């Protein structure tokens, strides 16, 4: 990746492509089938990604090469019982090079 920038609502189609690629890749890994029905975001994923883009407590970033998105990440804030905030990364994916 050359750069990282915040994702915008107009990035949603590309975000969905990346999220689908991540899901497909993880599904083939050891434990993937269980992960897909226990922890993976529900399909279609556009609702979850759209919500993340609109949520001020979450951050959606795109990794780019020549301004083209090749990876993404989603992190959110979680308030702990002691009042402190914890950043929780829910998604990280980067396409393999061609």
C-alpha atoms as a PDB file:
ATOM      1  CA  UNK A   1       0.000   0.000   0.000  1.00  0.00           C
ATOM      2  CA  UNK A   2       1.134   3.505  -0.705  1.00  0.00           C
ATOM      3  CA  UNK A   3      -1.401   5.486   1.282  1.00  0.00           C
ATOM      4  CA  UNK A   4      -4.311   5.210   3.682  1.00  0.00           C
ATOM      5  CA  UNK A   5      -7.394   7.407   3.757  1.00  0.00           C
ATOM      6  CA  UNK A   6     -10.775   7.446   5.464  1.00  0.00           C
ATOM      7  CA  UNK A   7     -13.437   5.614   3.490  1.00  0.00           C
ATOM      8  CA  UNK A   8     -16.396   7.600   2.164  1.00  0.00           C
ATOM      9  CA  UNK A   9     -19.948   6.493   1.362  1.00  0.00           C
ATOM     10  CA  UNK A  10     -19.119   6.459  -2.355  1.00  0.00           C
ATOM     11  CA  UNK A  11     -16.439   3.830  -1.575  1.00  0.00           C
ATOM     12  CA  UNK A  12     -19.112   1.350  -0.464  1.00  0.00           C
ATOM     13  CA  UNK A  13     -19.113  -0.735  -3.691  1.00  0.00           C
ATOM     14  CA  UNK A  14     -15.340  -1.278  -3.463  1.00  0.00           C
ATOM     15  CA  UNK A  15     -15.548  -1.899   0.295  1.00  0.00           C
ATOM     16  CA  UNK A  16     -18.104  -4.623  -0.383  1.00  0.00           C
ATOM     17  CA  UNK A  17     -15.808  -6.226  -2.960  1.00  0.00           C
ATOM     18  CA  UNK A  18     -12.966  -6.251  -0.440  1.00  0.00           C
ATOM     19  CA  UNK A  19     -15.202  -7.566   2.363  1.00  0.00           C
ATOM     20  CA  UNK A  20     -16.508 -10.342   0.125  1.00  0.00           C
ATOM     21  CA  UNK A  21     -12.942 -11.267  -0.866  1.00  0.00           C
ATOM     22  CA  UNK A  22     -11.926 -11.381   2.799  1.00  0.00           C
ATOM     23  CA  UNK A  23     -14.909 -13.589   3.641  1.00  0.00           C
ATOM     24  CA  UNK A  24     -14.169 -15.975   0.771  1.00  0.00           C
ATOM     25  CA  UNK A  25     -10.514 -16.211   1.765  1.00  0.00           C
ATOM     26  CA  UNK A  26     -11.261 -16.839   5.442  1.00  0.00           C
ATOM     27  CA  UNK A  27     -13.958 -19.387   4.643  1.00  0.00           C
ATOM     28  CA  UNK A  28     -11.306 -21.640   3.122  1.00  0.00           C
ATOM     29  CA  UNK A  29      -9.040 -21.478   6.165  1.00  0.00           C
ATOM     30  CA  UNK A  30      -9.048 -23.844   9.132  1.00  0.00           C
ATOM     31  CA  UNK A  31     -12.070 -22.944  11.263  1.00  0.00           C
ATOM     32  CA  UNK A  32     -13.467 -20.793   8.451  1.00  0.00           C
ATOM     33  CA  UNK A  33     -16.866 -22.471   8.217  1.00  0.00           C
ATOM     34  CA  UNK A  34     -17.453 -22.009  11.959  1.00  0.00           C
ATOM     35  CA  UNK A  35     -16.172 -18.423  11.820  1.00  0.00           C
ATOM     36  CA  UNK A  36     -18.562 -17.663   8.949  1.00  0.00           C
ATOM     37  CA  UNK A  37     -21.642 -18.646  10.976  1.00  0.00           C
ATOM     38  CA  UNK A  38     -20.455 -17.441  14.392  1.00  0.00           C
ATOM     39  CA  UNK A  39     -18.364 -14.290  13.996  1.00  0.00           C
ATOM     40  CA  UNK A  40     -18.505 -13.061  10.410  1.00  0.00           C
ATOM     41  CA  UNK A  41     -20.696 -10.052   9.703  1.00  0.00           C
ATOM     42  CA  UNK A  42     -24.078 -11.048   8.300  1.00  0.00           C
ATOM     43  CA  UNK A  43     -24.696 -11.022   4.574  1.00  0.00           C
ATOM     44  CA  UNK A  44     -25.371  -8.897   2.745  1.00  0.00           C
ATOM     45  CA  UNK A  45     -22.531  -6.891   4.280  1.00  0.00           C
ATOM     46  CA  UNK A  46     -23.565  -3.524   2.890  1.00  0.00           C
ATOM     47  CA  UNK A  47     -25.710  -2.737   5.944  1.00  0.00           C
ATOM     48  CA  UNK A  48     -22.846  -3.315   8.379  1.00  0.00           C
ATOM     49  CA  UNK A  49     -20.314  -1.385   6.308  1.00  0.00           C
ATOM     50  CA  UNK A  50     -22.755   1.470   5.704  1.00  0.00           C
ATOM     51  CA  UNK A  51     -23.410   1.632   9.458  1.00  0.00           C
ATOM     52  CA  UNK A  52     -19.670   1.690  10.165  1.00  0.00           C
ATOM     53  CA  UNK A  53     -19.196   4.584   7.728  1.00  0.00           C
ATOM     54  CA  UNK A  54     -21.924   6.564   9.520  1.00  0.00           C
ATOM     55  CA  UNK A  55     -20.840   5.725  13.078  1.00  0.00           C
ATOM     56  CA  UNK A  56     -18.711   8.388  14.763  1.00  0.00           C
ATOM     57  CA  UNK A  57     -17.350   5.732  17.144  1.00  0.00           C
ATOM     58  CA  UNK A  58     -15.976   3.636  14.275  1.00  0.00           C
ATOM     59  CA  UNK A  59     -13.291   4.291  11.701  1.00  0.00           C
ATOM     60  CA  UNK A  60     -13.210   2.758   8.227  1.00  0.00           C
ATOM     61  CA  UNK A  61      -9.916   3.171   6.382  1.00  0.00           C
ATOM     62  CA  UNK A  62      -8.885   2.272   2.846  1.00  0.00           C
ATOM     63  CA  UNK A  63      -5.361   1.327   1.858  1.00  0.00           C
ATOM     64  CA  UNK A  64      -4.600   2.465  -1.670  1.00  0.00           C
ATOM     65  CA  UNK A  65      -2.097   2.048  -4.490  1.00  0.00           C
ATOM     66  CA  UNK A  66      -2.242   4.815  -7.095  1.00  0.00           C
ATOM     67  CA  UNK A  67      -5.456   5.993  -5.383  1.00  0.00           C
ATOM     68  CA  UNK A  68      -7.123   2.587  -6.002  1.00  0.00           C
ATOM     69  CA  UNK A  69      -8.371   0.791  -2.843  1.00  0.00           C
ATOM     70  CA  UNK A  70      -6.581  -2.518  -2.294  1.00  0.00           C
ATOM     71  CA  UNK A  71      -7.348  -3.038   1.387  1.00  0.00           C
ATOM     72  CA  UNK A  72      -9.534  -1.867   4.227  1.00  0.00           C
ATOM     73  CA  UNK A  73      -9.819  -1.851   7.968  1.00  0.00           C
ATOM     74  CA  UNK A  74     -12.589  -1.145  10.455  1.00  0.00           C
ATOM     75  CA  UNK A  75     -12.051  -0.250  14.102  1.00  0.00           C
ATOM     76  CA  UNK A  76     -14.436   0.923  16.778  1.00  0.00           C
ATOM     77  CA  UNK A  77     -14.335   2.241  20.288  1.00  0.00           C
ATOM     78  CA  UNK A  78     -15.553   0.123  23.175  1.00  0.00           C
ATOM     79  CA  UNK A  79     -16.014   1.560  26.645  1.00  0.00           C
ATOM     80  CA  UNK A  80     -14.651  -0.744  29.334  1.00  0.00           C
ATOM     81  CA  UNK A  81     -16.259  -1.221  32.752  1.00  0.00           C
ATOM     82  CA  UNK A  82     -13.627   1.050  34.289  1.00  0.00           C
ATOM     83  CA  UNK A  83     -14.609   3.843  31.878  1.00  0.00           C
ATOM     84  CA  UNK A  84     -11.538   3.605  29.656  1.00  0.00           C
ATOM     85  CA  UNK A  85     -11.857   3.295  25.895  1.00  0.00           C
ATOM     86  CA  UNK A  86     -10.472   0.382  23.920  1.00  0.00           C
ATOM     87  CA  UNK A  87     -10.023   0.399  20.139  1.00  0.00           C
ATOM     88  CA  UNK A  88     -11.316  -2.874  18.697  1.00  0.00           C
ATOM     89  CA  UNK A  89     -10.274  -3.844  15.171  1.00  0.00           C
ATOM     90  CA  UNK A  90     -13.067  -5.846  13.538  1.00  0.00           C
ATOM     91  CA  UNK A  91     -11.854  -6.037   9.934  1.00  0.00           C
ATOM     92  CA  UNK A  92      -8.460  -5.980   8.231  1.00  0.00           C
ATOM     93  CA  UNK A  93      -7.903  -7.167   4.683  1.00  0.00           C
ATOM     94  CA  UNK A  94      -5.435  -6.449   1.885  1.00  0.00           C
ATOM     95  CA  UNK A  95      -5.653  -8.014  -1.557  1.00  0.00           C
ATOM     96  CA  UNK A  96      -2.778 -10.181  -2.665  1.00  0.00           C
ATOM     97  CA  UNK A  97      -0.572  -8.574  -5.317  1.00  0.00           C
ATOM     98  CA  UNK A  98      -1.283  -9.577  -8.892  1.00  0.00           C
END
